[in-house]
Amino acid sequence: MIDLHTESNFQKAIEAAEQLSVDERLVLLDVLRQRIGQTKRQELVSEVAAVREEYRAGNVRFGSVSDLMSELDEL
């Protein structure tokens, strides 16, 4: 959900982009896609590091789907 402050910033960004030429908008789109990709990669690296730490700490268990379902039934 977008709050009013974020929505206002979002609207400002759209209005600013509309002031650009079509070619500039296309460049902006490429830049945004690249930055979003970088952000997603950074998030994935962080998640992998956290999972590896959980594994090293012994907080990860292995089993089959049946094992999982049995454990859930016990709760």
N, C-alpha and C. Protein backbone atom coordinates (compact mmCIF):
# COMPACT_ATOMS: atom_id res chain seq x y z
N MET A 1 0.84 -1.17 0.00
CA MET A 1 0.00 0.00 0.00
C MET A 1 0.89 1.24 0.00
N ILE A 2 0.50 2.24 -0.77
CA ILE A 2 1.27 3.48 -0.89
C ILE A 2 0.65 4.53 0.02
N ASP A 3 1.47 5.14 0.90
CA ASP A 3 0.92 6.20 1.73
C ASP A 3 0.90 7.51 0.94
N LEU A 4 0.26 8.53 1.49
CA LEU A 4 0.09 9.78 0.76
C LEU A 4 1.42 10.43 0.43
N HIS A 5 2.38 10.38 1.34
CA HIS A 5 3.69 10.98 1.08
C HIS A 5 4.38 10.29 -0.09
N THR A 6 4.36 8.96 -0.07
CA THR A 6 4.98 8.20 -1.15
C THR A 6 4.23 8.45 -2.46
N GLU A 7 2.93 8.49 -2.39
CA GLU A 7 2.13 8.73 -3.59
C GLU A 7 2.47 10.10 -4.17
N SER A 8 2.67 11.07 -3.32
CA SER A 8 3.03 12.41 -3.77
C SER A 8 4.38 12.38 -4.47
N ASN A 9 5.36 11.70 -3.88
CA ASN A 9 6.67 11.56 -4.52
C ASN A 9 6.56 10.81 -5.83
N PHE A 10 5.73 9.79 -5.85
CA PHE A 10 5.52 9.00 -7.05
C PHE A 10 4.93 9.87 -8.16
N GLN A 11 3.93 10.66 -7.80
CA GLN A 11 3.31 11.54 -8.79
C GLN A 11 4.31 12.57 -9.31
N LYS A 12 5.15 13.10 -8.41
CA LYS A 12 6.18 14.05 -8.82
C LYS A 12 7.15 13.40 -9.81
N ALA A 13 7.51 12.14 -9.54
CA ALA A 13 8.44 11.43 -10.43
C ALA A 13 7.82 11.24 -11.81
N ILE A 14 6.54 10.89 -11.83
CA ILE A 14 5.85 10.72 -13.12
C ILE A 14 5.80 12.03 -13.87
N GLU A 15 5.46 13.09 -13.17
CA GLU A 15 5.37 14.40 -13.82
C GLU A 15 6.74 14.83 -14.34
N ALA A 16 7.79 14.56 -13.58
CA ALA A 16 9.15 14.91 -14.03
C ALA A 16 9.51 14.10 -15.27
N ALA A 17 9.17 12.81 -15.27
CA ALA A 17 9.48 11.97 -16.43
C ALA A 17 8.72 12.44 -17.66
N GLU A 18 7.51 12.92 -17.47
CA GLU A 18 6.72 13.39 -18.61
C GLU A 18 7.32 14.64 -19.26
N GLN A 19 8.18 15.33 -18.54
CA GLN A 19 8.84 16.51 -19.09
C GLN A 19 10.01 16.14 -20.01
N LEU A 20 10.41 14.88 -19.95
CA LEU A 20 11.54 14.40 -20.76
C LEU A 20 11.07 14.06 -22.18
N SER A 21 12.03 14.06 -23.08
CA SER A 21 11.72 13.60 -24.44
C SER A 21 11.52 12.09 -24.41
N VAL A 22 10.99 11.56 -25.50
CA VAL A 22 10.77 10.12 -25.58
C VAL A 22 12.10 9.38 -25.44
N ASP A 23 13.14 9.86 -26.11
CA ASP A 23 14.45 9.20 -26.01
C ASP A 23 14.98 9.24 -24.58
N GLU A 24 14.81 10.36 -23.90
CA GLU A 24 15.26 10.47 -22.51
C GLU A 24 14.47 9.53 -21.61
N ARG A 25 13.18 9.39 -21.86
CA ARG A 25 12.36 8.45 -21.08
C ARG A 25 12.84 7.02 -21.27
N LEU A 26 13.22 6.68 -22.50
CA LEU A 26 13.72 5.33 -22.76
C LEU A 26 15.03 5.09 -22.02
N VAL A 27 15.90 6.08 -22.00
CA VAL A 27 17.15 5.95 -21.26
C VAL A 27 16.84 5.81 -19.77
N LEU A 28 15.93 6.64 -19.26
CA LEU A 28 15.52 6.56 -17.86
C LEU A 28 15.00 5.18 -17.54
N LEU A 29 14.17 4.64 -18.40
CA LEU A 29 13.62 3.30 -18.20
C LEU A 29 14.73 2.26 -18.12
N ASP A 30 15.72 2.35 -19.01
CA ASP A 30 16.85 1.42 -18.97
C ASP A 30 17.63 1.55 -17.66
N VAL A 31 17.87 2.78 -17.24
CA VAL A 31 18.61 3.01 -16.00
C VAL A 31 17.84 2.43 -14.82
N LEU A 32 16.54 2.67 -14.77
CA LEU A 32 15.73 2.14 -13.67
C LEU A 32 15.73 0.62 -13.66
N ARG A 33 15.63 0.01 -14.82
CA ARG A 33 15.65 -1.46 -14.89
C ARG A 33 16.97 -2.00 -14.37
N GLN A 34 18.07 -1.36 -14.77
CA GLN A 34 19.38 -1.81 -14.32
C GLN A 34 19.51 -1.66 -12.80
N ARG A 35 19.06 -0.55 -12.27
CA ARG A 35 19.16 -0.33 -10.83
C ARG A 35 18.27 -1.28 -10.05
N ILE A 36 17.09 -1.55 -10.58
CA ILE A 36 16.20 -2.51 -9.92
C ILE A 36 16.86 -3.89 -9.92
N GLY A 37 17.47 -4.26 -11.03
CA GLY A 37 18.18 -5.54 -11.10
C GLY A 37 19.30 -5.61 -10.08
N GLN A 38 20.06 -4.51 -9.94
CA GLN A 38 21.13 -4.47 -8.96
C GLN A 38 20.58 -4.61 -7.54
N THR A 39 19.49 -3.92 -7.26
CA THR A 39 18.89 -4.00 -5.93
C THR A 39 18.42 -5.41 -5.63
N LYS A 40 17.78 -6.05 -6.61
CA LYS A 40 17.31 -7.42 -6.41
C LYS A 40 18.47 -8.38 -6.19
N ARG A 41 19.57 -8.18 -6.93
CA ARG A 41 20.74 -9.03 -6.73
C ARG A 41 21.31 -8.84 -5.33
N GLN A 42 21.38 -7.59 -4.88
CA GLN A 42 21.89 -7.32 -3.53
C GLN A 42 21.01 -7.96 -2.47
N GLU A 43 19.70 -7.89 -2.66
CA GLU A 43 18.78 -8.52 -1.71
C GLU A 43 18.98 -10.03 -1.69
N LEU A 44 19.16 -10.62 -2.86
CA LEU A 44 19.37 -12.07 -2.95
C LEU A 44 20.67 -12.47 -2.26
N VAL A 45 21.72 -11.68 -2.46
CA VAL A 45 23.00 -11.97 -1.80
C VAL A 45 22.82 -11.92 -0.28
N SER A 46 22.08 -10.94 0.21
CA SER A 46 21.83 -10.84 1.65
C SER A 46 21.04 -12.03 2.17
N GLU A 47 20.03 -12.44 1.42
CA GLU A 47 19.21 -13.58 1.82
C GLU A 47 20.04 -14.86 1.85
N VAL A 48 20.88 -15.05 0.84
CA VAL A 48 21.72 -16.24 0.80
C VAL A 48 22.68 -16.25 1.98
N ALA A 49 23.26 -15.09 2.29
CA ALA A 49 24.17 -15.01 3.43
C ALA A 49 23.44 -15.36 4.73
N ALA A 50 22.22 -14.88 4.89
CA ALA A 50 21.44 -15.18 6.09
C ALA A 50 21.13 -16.67 6.18
N VAL A 51 20.76 -17.28 5.07
CA VAL A 51 20.46 -18.71 5.07
C VAL A 51 21.72 -19.52 5.37
N ARG A 52 22.84 -19.11 4.80
CA ARG A 52 24.09 -19.82 5.10
C ARG A 52 24.44 -19.73 6.57
N GLU A 53 24.22 -18.58 7.16
CA GLU A 53 24.49 -18.41 8.59
C GLU A 53 23.57 -19.31 9.41
N GLU A 54 22.30 -19.37 9.04
CA GLU A 54 21.36 -20.27 9.72
C GLU A 54 21.82 -21.72 9.60
N TYR A 55 22.32 -22.08 8.43
CA TYR A 55 22.81 -23.45 8.21
C TYR A 55 24.01 -23.71 9.11
N ARG A 56 24.96 -22.76 9.14
CA ARG A 56 26.16 -22.92 9.98
C ARG A 56 25.79 -23.03 11.46
N ALA A 57 24.74 -22.33 11.85
CA ALA A 57 24.31 -22.34 13.25
C ALA A 57 23.51 -23.60 13.59
N GLY A 58 23.22 -24.41 12.59
CA GLY A 58 22.49 -25.65 12.82
C GLY A 58 20.99 -25.46 12.92
N ASN A 59 20.49 -24.35 12.38
CA ASN A 59 19.06 -24.07 12.46
C ASN A 59 18.29 -24.52 11.23
N VAL A 60 18.92 -25.34 10.41
CA VAL A 60 18.29 -25.83 9.18
C VAL A 60 18.17 -27.34 9.28
N ARG A 61 16.98 -27.84 8.96
CA ARG A 61 16.78 -29.29 8.96
C ARG A 61 16.36 -29.73 7.58
N PHE A 62 16.69 -30.96 7.27
CA PHE A 62 16.34 -31.53 5.98
C PHE A 62 15.33 -32.64 6.17
N GLY A 63 14.49 -32.83 5.17
CA GLY A 63 13.51 -33.90 5.23
C GLY A 63 12.64 -33.86 4.00
N SER A 64 11.73 -34.79 3.96
CA SER A 64 10.82 -34.87 2.82
C SER A 64 9.56 -34.06 3.11
N VAL A 65 8.72 -33.96 2.12
CA VAL A 65 7.44 -33.28 2.30
C VAL A 65 6.62 -34.03 3.35
N SER A 66 6.71 -35.34 3.35
CA SER A 66 5.99 -36.14 4.35
C SER A 66 6.46 -35.80 5.75
N ASP A 67 7.78 -35.63 5.91
CA ASP A 67 8.32 -35.24 7.21
C ASP A 67 7.74 -33.89 7.65
N LEU A 68 7.70 -32.96 6.73
CA LEU A 68 7.15 -31.63 7.03
C LEU A 68 5.69 -31.73 7.43
N MET A 69 4.92 -32.49 6.67
CA MET A 69 3.49 -32.62 6.96
C MET A 69 3.28 -33.28 8.32
N SER A 70 4.08 -34.26 8.66
CA SER A 70 3.98 -34.92 9.96
C SER A 70 4.27 -33.95 11.08
N GLU A 71 5.30 -33.13 10.88
CA GLU A 71 5.66 -32.14 11.89
C GLU A 71 4.54 -31.12 12.07
N LEU A 72 3.93 -30.71 10.97
CA LEU A 72 2.84 -29.73 11.05
C LEU A 72 1.63 -30.33 11.77
N ASP A 73 1.40 -31.62 11.55
CA ASP A 73 0.28 -32.28 12.22
C ASP A 73 0.50 -32.33 13.74
N GLU A 74 1.76 -32.36 14.17
CA GLU A 74 2.07 -32.41 15.59
C GLU A 74 1.85 -31.07 16.30
N LEU A 75 1.79 -30.00 15.54
CA LEU A 75 1.62 -28.67 16.16
C LEU A 75 0.25 -28.49 16.63
